N, C-alpha and C. Protein backbone atom coordinates (compact mmCIF):
# COMPACT_ATOMS: atom_id res chain seq x y z
N MET A 1 302.90 47.71 34.91
CA MET A 1 302.09 47.54 36.08
C MET A 1 301.22 48.78 36.32
N LYS A 2 301.82 49.96 36.08
CA LYS A 2 301.08 51.21 36.29
C LYS A 2 299.90 51.30 35.32
N ILE A 3 300.08 50.83 34.10
CA ILE A 3 299.00 50.85 33.10
C ILE A 3 297.85 49.95 33.55
N ILE A 4 298.17 48.78 34.06
CA ILE A 4 297.13 47.85 34.53
C ILE A 4 296.38 48.45 35.71
N SER A 5 297.09 49.09 36.61
CA SER A 5 296.47 49.72 37.77
C SER A 5 295.53 50.84 37.35
N THR A 6 295.95 51.67 36.41
CA THR A 6 295.13 52.76 35.90
C THR A 6 293.90 52.22 35.19
N LEU A 7 294.10 51.18 34.39
CA LEU A 7 292.98 50.56 33.67
C LEU A 7 291.99 49.95 34.65
N ALA A 8 292.46 49.28 35.69
CA ALA A 8 291.57 48.68 36.70
C ALA A 8 290.77 49.77 37.42
N ALA A 9 291.41 50.89 37.73
CA ALA A 9 290.70 52.00 38.40
C ALA A 9 289.63 52.57 37.48
N ALA A 10 289.93 52.70 36.21
CA ALA A 10 288.95 53.24 35.26
C ALA A 10 287.76 52.28 35.12
N ILE A 11 288.02 50.99 35.05
CA ILE A 11 286.94 50.00 34.94
C ILE A 11 286.08 50.02 36.20
N LEU A 12 286.71 50.12 37.36
CA LEU A 12 285.97 50.17 38.62
C LEU A 12 285.08 51.42 38.67
N MET A 13 285.60 52.55 38.26
CA MET A 13 284.81 53.78 38.25
C MET A 13 283.64 53.65 37.28
N PHE A 14 283.86 53.11 36.10
CA PHE A 14 282.80 52.90 35.12
C PHE A 14 281.72 51.99 35.69
N ALA A 15 282.12 50.91 36.34
CA ALA A 15 281.15 49.97 36.93
C ALA A 15 280.33 50.65 38.01
N MET A 16 280.96 51.48 38.83
CA MET A 16 280.22 52.18 39.89
C MET A 16 279.19 53.13 39.29
N LEU A 17 279.56 53.81 38.22
CA LEU A 17 278.61 54.70 37.55
C LEU A 17 277.44 53.94 36.95
N MET A 18 277.73 52.81 36.36
CA MET A 18 276.69 52.02 35.72
C MET A 18 275.75 51.39 36.74
N LEU A 19 276.25 51.04 37.92
CA LEU A 19 275.43 50.41 38.94
C LEU A 19 274.68 51.40 39.81
N GLY A 20 275.04 52.69 39.74
CA GLY A 20 274.35 53.70 40.53
C GLY A 20 272.90 53.82 40.08
N SER A 21 272.05 54.21 41.00
CA SER A 21 270.62 54.32 40.64
C SER A 21 270.39 55.51 39.74
N THR A 22 269.44 55.37 38.82
CA THR A 22 269.09 56.49 37.96
C THR A 22 268.45 57.61 38.76
N ASP A 23 267.84 57.26 39.91
CA ASP A 23 267.23 58.28 40.75
C ASP A 23 268.29 59.24 41.29
N SER A 24 269.45 58.73 41.67
CA SER A 24 270.48 59.59 42.21
C SER A 24 271.02 60.53 41.13
N PHE A 25 271.08 60.07 39.87
CA PHE A 25 271.55 60.94 38.81
C PHE A 25 270.56 62.06 38.55
N SER A 26 269.28 61.75 38.48
CA SER A 26 268.29 62.77 38.17
C SER A 26 268.13 63.77 39.30
N GLN A 27 268.29 63.35 40.56
CA GLN A 27 268.18 64.28 41.66
C GLN A 27 269.33 65.28 41.62
N GLY A 28 270.50 64.85 41.21
CA GLY A 28 271.63 65.75 41.14
C GLY A 28 271.42 66.82 40.07
N ALA A 29 270.69 66.50 39.02
CA ALA A 29 270.46 67.44 37.94
C ALA A 29 269.39 68.46 38.30
N CYS A 30 268.63 68.22 39.35
CA CYS A 30 267.52 69.07 39.72
C CYS A 30 267.96 70.03 40.84
N ALA A 31 267.93 71.32 40.58
CA ALA A 31 268.28 72.32 41.60
C ALA A 31 267.06 72.56 42.48
N ARG A 32 267.05 71.98 43.62
CA ARG A 32 265.89 72.03 44.52
C ARG A 32 265.70 73.43 45.12
N ASN A 33 264.43 73.72 45.45
CA ASN A 33 264.03 74.98 46.10
C ASN A 33 264.43 76.20 45.29
N SER A 34 264.34 76.10 43.98
CA SER A 34 264.63 77.22 43.10
C SER A 34 263.38 78.07 42.92
N ASN A 35 263.58 79.29 42.48
CA ASN A 35 262.47 80.18 42.15
C ASN A 35 262.41 80.34 40.64
N HIS A 36 261.21 80.26 40.10
CA HIS A 36 260.98 80.41 38.67
C HIS A 36 259.98 81.55 38.47
N THR A 37 260.34 82.55 37.69
CA THR A 37 259.44 83.68 37.43
C THR A 37 259.04 83.66 35.97
N ILE A 38 257.75 83.63 35.74
CA ILE A 38 257.19 83.65 34.38
C ILE A 38 256.56 85.02 34.18
N GLN A 39 256.99 85.72 33.14
CA GLN A 39 256.43 87.03 32.81
C GLN A 39 255.18 86.84 31.95
N VAL A 40 254.08 87.47 32.35
CA VAL A 40 252.82 87.41 31.61
C VAL A 40 252.62 88.77 30.96
N ARG A 41 252.45 88.77 29.63
CA ARG A 41 252.24 90.02 28.91
C ARG A 41 251.12 89.84 27.91
N PRO A 42 250.10 90.73 27.97
CA PRO A 42 249.06 90.66 26.93
C PRO A 42 249.69 90.98 25.59
N SER A 43 249.33 90.24 24.57
CA SER A 43 249.87 90.51 23.24
C SER A 43 248.72 90.63 22.25
N GLU A 44 249.02 90.48 21.01
CA GLU A 44 248.02 90.64 19.96
C GLU A 44 246.79 89.78 20.22
N GLY A 45 245.61 90.39 20.15
CA GLY A 45 244.37 89.68 20.38
C GLY A 45 244.15 89.36 21.85
N ASP A 46 244.94 90.01 22.71
CA ASP A 46 244.87 89.82 24.16
C ASP A 46 245.13 88.38 24.60
N ILE A 47 245.76 87.60 23.73
CA ILE A 47 246.21 86.27 24.15
C ILE A 47 247.50 86.49 24.92
N PRO A 48 247.61 85.96 26.12
CA PRO A 48 248.81 86.22 26.90
C PRO A 48 250.05 85.58 26.28
N GLU A 49 251.15 86.29 26.43
CA GLU A 49 252.44 85.77 26.00
C GLU A 49 253.23 85.51 27.28
N LEU A 50 253.82 84.33 27.38
CA LEU A 50 254.58 83.97 28.57
C LEU A 50 256.05 83.87 28.22
N LYS A 51 256.88 84.50 29.04
CA LYS A 51 258.33 84.46 28.85
C LYS A 51 258.98 83.91 30.10
N TYR A 52 259.97 83.05 29.88
CA TYR A 52 260.72 82.45 30.99
C TYR A 52 262.18 82.41 30.60
N LYS A 53 263.01 83.07 31.37
CA LYS A 53 264.45 83.13 31.11
C LYS A 53 264.75 83.58 29.68
N GLY A 54 264.01 84.56 29.20
CA GLY A 54 264.25 85.11 27.88
C GLY A 54 263.63 84.32 26.74
N GLY A 55 263.03 83.18 27.03
CA GLY A 55 262.42 82.36 25.99
C GLY A 55 260.96 82.09 26.30
N SER A 56 260.41 81.15 25.61
CA SER A 56 259.00 80.78 25.78
C SER A 56 258.80 80.02 27.09
N ALA A 57 257.61 80.17 27.65
CA ALA A 57 257.25 79.43 28.87
C ALA A 57 256.14 78.44 28.57
N GLU A 58 256.05 78.00 27.32
CA GLU A 58 255.03 77.01 26.95
C GLU A 58 255.17 75.75 27.79
N GLU A 59 256.44 75.39 28.10
CA GLU A 59 256.70 74.24 28.96
C GLU A 59 257.95 74.56 29.77
N ILE A 60 257.80 74.53 31.10
CA ILE A 60 258.98 74.74 31.94
C ILE A 60 259.18 73.50 32.81
N HIS A 61 260.43 73.29 33.18
CA HIS A 61 260.79 72.14 34.01
C HIS A 61 261.17 72.65 35.39
N VAL A 62 260.57 72.02 36.40
CA VAL A 62 260.79 72.42 37.79
C VAL A 62 261.06 71.18 38.63
N CYS A 63 261.40 71.40 39.88
CA CYS A 63 261.65 70.31 40.83
C CYS A 63 260.66 70.43 41.98
N ILE A 64 260.45 69.35 42.68
CA ILE A 64 259.61 69.38 43.87
C ILE A 64 260.28 70.31 44.87
N GLY A 65 259.49 71.21 45.44
CA GLY A 65 260.01 72.20 46.39
C GLY A 65 260.26 73.55 45.75
N ASP A 66 260.24 73.65 44.43
CA ASP A 66 260.46 74.92 43.74
C ASP A 66 259.23 75.83 43.88
N THR A 67 259.45 77.14 43.74
CA THR A 67 258.38 78.12 43.72
C THR A 67 258.26 78.67 42.30
N ILE A 68 257.03 78.75 41.81
CA ILE A 68 256.77 79.31 40.48
C ILE A 68 255.92 80.56 40.69
N LYS A 69 256.32 81.67 40.06
CA LYS A 69 255.57 82.93 40.15
C LYS A 69 255.25 83.42 38.75
N TRP A 70 254.04 83.94 38.60
CA TRP A 70 253.62 84.59 37.37
C TRP A 70 253.48 86.07 37.69
N VAL A 71 254.13 86.93 36.90
CA VAL A 71 254.12 88.36 37.15
C VAL A 71 253.66 89.07 35.88
N LEU A 72 252.66 89.94 36.03
CA LEU A 72 252.17 90.71 34.88
C LEU A 72 253.21 91.73 34.49
N ASN A 73 253.55 91.78 33.22
CA ASN A 73 254.53 92.70 32.68
C ASN A 73 253.83 93.48 31.58
N GLY A 74 253.44 94.69 31.89
CA GLY A 74 252.72 95.49 30.91
C GLY A 74 251.63 96.29 31.59
N PRO A 75 250.61 96.68 30.83
CA PRO A 75 249.55 97.52 31.38
C PRO A 75 248.79 96.82 32.51
N ASN A 76 248.27 97.61 33.42
CA ASN A 76 247.52 97.10 34.56
C ASN A 76 246.26 96.39 34.08
N ARG A 77 246.28 95.07 34.15
CA ARG A 77 245.16 94.25 33.72
C ARG A 77 245.03 93.08 34.67
N THR A 78 243.86 92.54 34.72
CA THR A 78 243.67 91.32 35.49
C THR A 78 244.01 90.13 34.59
N TYR A 79 244.71 89.17 35.15
CA TYR A 79 244.98 87.94 34.43
C TYR A 79 244.67 86.78 35.36
N PHE A 80 244.50 85.63 34.79
CA PHE A 80 244.13 84.44 35.54
C PHE A 80 245.14 83.34 35.27
N VAL A 81 245.51 82.64 36.31
CA VAL A 81 246.29 81.40 36.20
C VAL A 81 245.37 80.35 36.80
N ASP A 82 244.94 79.43 35.97
CA ASP A 82 243.89 78.49 36.37
C ASP A 82 244.40 77.06 36.24
N PHE A 83 244.56 76.39 37.37
CA PHE A 83 245.01 75.01 37.37
C PHE A 83 243.82 74.07 37.28
N PHE A 84 244.01 72.96 36.60
CA PHE A 84 242.94 71.99 36.47
C PHE A 84 242.76 71.23 37.77
N SER A 85 241.63 70.65 37.94
CA SER A 85 241.28 69.91 39.15
C SER A 85 242.38 68.90 39.49
N GLY A 86 242.77 68.89 40.76
CA GLY A 86 243.77 67.94 41.22
C GLY A 86 245.20 68.39 40.99
N ALA A 87 245.42 69.67 40.67
CA ALA A 87 246.79 70.15 40.47
C ALA A 87 247.59 69.99 41.77
N PRO A 88 248.79 69.47 41.68
CA PRO A 88 249.55 69.15 42.88
C PRO A 88 250.43 70.30 43.38
N PHE A 89 249.89 71.50 43.40
CA PHE A 89 250.68 72.64 43.81
C PHE A 89 250.10 73.27 45.06
N GLU A 90 250.97 73.53 46.04
CA GLU A 90 250.56 74.17 47.27
C GLU A 90 250.37 75.66 47.02
N GLY A 91 249.37 76.25 47.64
CA GLY A 91 249.15 77.69 47.52
C GLY A 91 248.58 78.09 46.18
N VAL A 92 247.82 77.21 45.55
CA VAL A 92 247.26 77.52 44.24
C VAL A 92 246.33 78.74 44.34
N THR A 93 246.55 79.67 43.45
CA THR A 93 245.75 80.89 43.38
C THR A 93 245.23 81.00 41.96
N ARG A 94 244.06 81.60 41.80
CA ARG A 94 243.52 81.71 40.46
C ARG A 94 243.74 83.08 39.85
N ARG A 95 243.79 84.14 40.61
CA ARG A 95 243.88 85.47 40.01
C ARG A 95 245.18 86.18 40.33
N GLY A 96 245.54 87.09 39.49
CA GLY A 96 246.68 87.96 39.74
C GLY A 96 246.53 89.24 38.95
N SER A 97 247.34 90.21 39.26
CA SER A 97 247.40 91.44 38.48
C SER A 97 248.82 91.97 38.63
N ASN A 98 249.09 93.16 38.10
CA ASN A 98 250.46 93.64 38.21
C ASN A 98 250.84 93.97 39.64
N SER A 99 249.88 94.06 40.54
CA SER A 99 250.20 94.31 41.95
C SER A 99 250.03 93.04 42.79
N ASN A 100 249.62 91.94 42.17
CA ASN A 100 249.39 90.70 42.90
C ASN A 100 250.00 89.55 42.11
N VAL A 101 251.10 89.05 42.59
CA VAL A 101 251.80 87.96 41.92
C VAL A 101 251.10 86.65 42.24
N VAL A 102 250.87 85.83 41.23
CA VAL A 102 250.33 84.49 41.44
C VAL A 102 251.53 83.58 41.70
N SER A 103 251.48 82.82 42.78
CA SER A 103 252.63 82.01 43.18
C SER A 103 252.17 80.65 43.69
N VAL A 104 252.90 79.62 43.33
CA VAL A 104 252.64 78.26 43.83
C VAL A 104 253.96 77.60 44.20
N VAL A 105 253.87 76.60 45.08
CA VAL A 105 255.03 75.78 45.44
C VAL A 105 254.76 74.38 44.90
N VAL A 106 255.74 73.83 44.20
CA VAL A 106 255.61 72.48 43.65
C VAL A 106 255.83 71.50 44.81
N GLY A 107 254.79 70.78 45.15
CA GLY A 107 254.91 69.87 46.28
C GLY A 107 253.71 68.95 46.34
N GLY A 108 253.39 68.56 47.54
CA GLY A 108 252.23 67.70 47.73
C GLY A 108 252.35 66.44 46.90
N PRO A 109 251.32 66.14 46.14
CA PRO A 109 251.32 64.90 45.37
C PRO A 109 251.98 65.01 43.98
N ALA A 110 252.78 66.06 43.75
CA ALA A 110 253.45 66.19 42.45
C ALA A 110 254.33 64.97 42.22
N GLU A 111 254.28 64.43 41.01
CA GLU A 111 255.06 63.24 40.67
C GLU A 111 256.18 63.61 39.72
N ARG A 112 257.39 63.16 40.05
CA ARG A 112 258.52 63.41 39.16
C ARG A 112 258.28 62.72 37.83
N GLY A 113 258.58 63.44 36.77
CA GLY A 113 258.39 62.91 35.43
C GLY A 113 257.01 63.21 34.86
N SER A 114 256.14 63.82 35.66
CA SER A 114 254.78 64.13 35.19
C SER A 114 254.69 65.57 34.72
N GLY A 115 253.77 65.81 33.80
CA GLY A 115 253.49 67.15 33.31
C GLY A 115 252.10 67.58 33.74
N TYR A 116 251.95 68.86 34.06
CA TYR A 116 250.68 69.40 34.53
C TYR A 116 250.31 70.61 33.68
N ASP A 117 249.16 70.51 33.01
CA ASP A 117 248.67 71.60 32.17
C ASP A 117 247.91 72.60 33.01
N TYR A 118 247.90 73.85 32.56
CA TYR A 118 247.13 74.91 33.21
C TYR A 118 246.80 75.96 32.16
N ASP A 119 245.94 76.89 32.51
CA ASP A 119 245.55 77.97 31.61
C ASP A 119 246.05 79.30 32.14
N VAL A 120 246.43 80.19 31.23
CA VAL A 120 246.71 81.58 31.55
C VAL A 120 245.84 82.40 30.62
N GLU A 121 245.10 83.34 31.20
CA GLU A 121 244.13 84.12 30.43
C GLU A 121 244.14 85.56 30.90
N CYS A 122 244.15 86.49 29.94
CA CYS A 122 244.00 87.90 30.26
C CYS A 122 242.52 88.23 30.24
N GLU A 123 242.11 89.14 31.11
CA GLU A 123 240.71 89.53 31.18
C GLU A 123 240.21 89.93 29.81
N ASP A 124 239.07 89.39 29.40
CA ASP A 124 238.46 89.66 28.09
C ASP A 124 239.39 89.30 26.93
N GLY A 125 240.22 88.29 27.11
CA GLY A 125 241.14 87.90 26.04
C GLY A 125 241.17 86.41 25.84
N GLY A 126 242.12 85.97 25.05
CA GLY A 126 242.27 84.55 24.75
C GLY A 126 243.01 83.81 25.84
N THR A 127 243.06 82.50 25.68
CA THR A 127 243.66 81.62 26.67
C THR A 127 244.87 80.92 26.08
N LEU A 128 245.90 80.78 26.89
CA LEU A 128 247.09 80.03 26.54
C LEU A 128 247.15 78.82 27.45
N GLU A 129 247.57 77.67 26.94
CA GLU A 129 247.57 76.43 27.72
C GLU A 129 248.99 75.88 27.83
N PRO A 130 249.81 76.42 28.75
CA PRO A 130 251.16 75.92 28.94
C PRO A 130 251.22 74.70 29.84
N ARG A 131 252.42 74.25 30.15
CA ARG A 131 252.60 73.01 30.92
C ARG A 131 253.80 73.16 31.86
N ILE A 132 253.65 72.56 33.03
CA ILE A 132 254.75 72.48 34.01
C ILE A 132 255.14 71.01 34.10
N VAL A 133 256.43 70.72 33.94
CA VAL A 133 256.93 69.35 34.04
C VAL A 133 257.80 69.26 35.29
N VAL A 134 257.52 68.27 36.12
CA VAL A 134 258.29 68.07 37.35
C VAL A 134 259.40 67.06 37.09
N ASP A 135 260.63 67.52 37.23
CA ASP A 135 261.81 66.64 37.01
C ASP A 135 262.19 65.94 38.29
């Protein structure tokens, strides 16, 4: 009898998991109102190099309500963070330097599951085209 009871409880739990909405699962995986700092460093040929959590920042995943900051790491230079028309980020700024952090909040019309391209460019240098994905 105890085996049947345990088996019934396991089946019930499995059914509840399967019937739960996928939206509730993905929201749990997203740490809301987090801060993300991307290090901007001029590298060879003055093409900016972006680092995030010790790795590449070519594509980072964020949640609605998160704050993203770009900070110049290296010699005092002007750099640009340029969002394309219609970027869904509050507080969009185009310029920064080592004394001026470029910062945005993911919000407004940002859509979960969408990716948003932008440019990062060092003054008189090349351009890098990374992406922000909203989970």
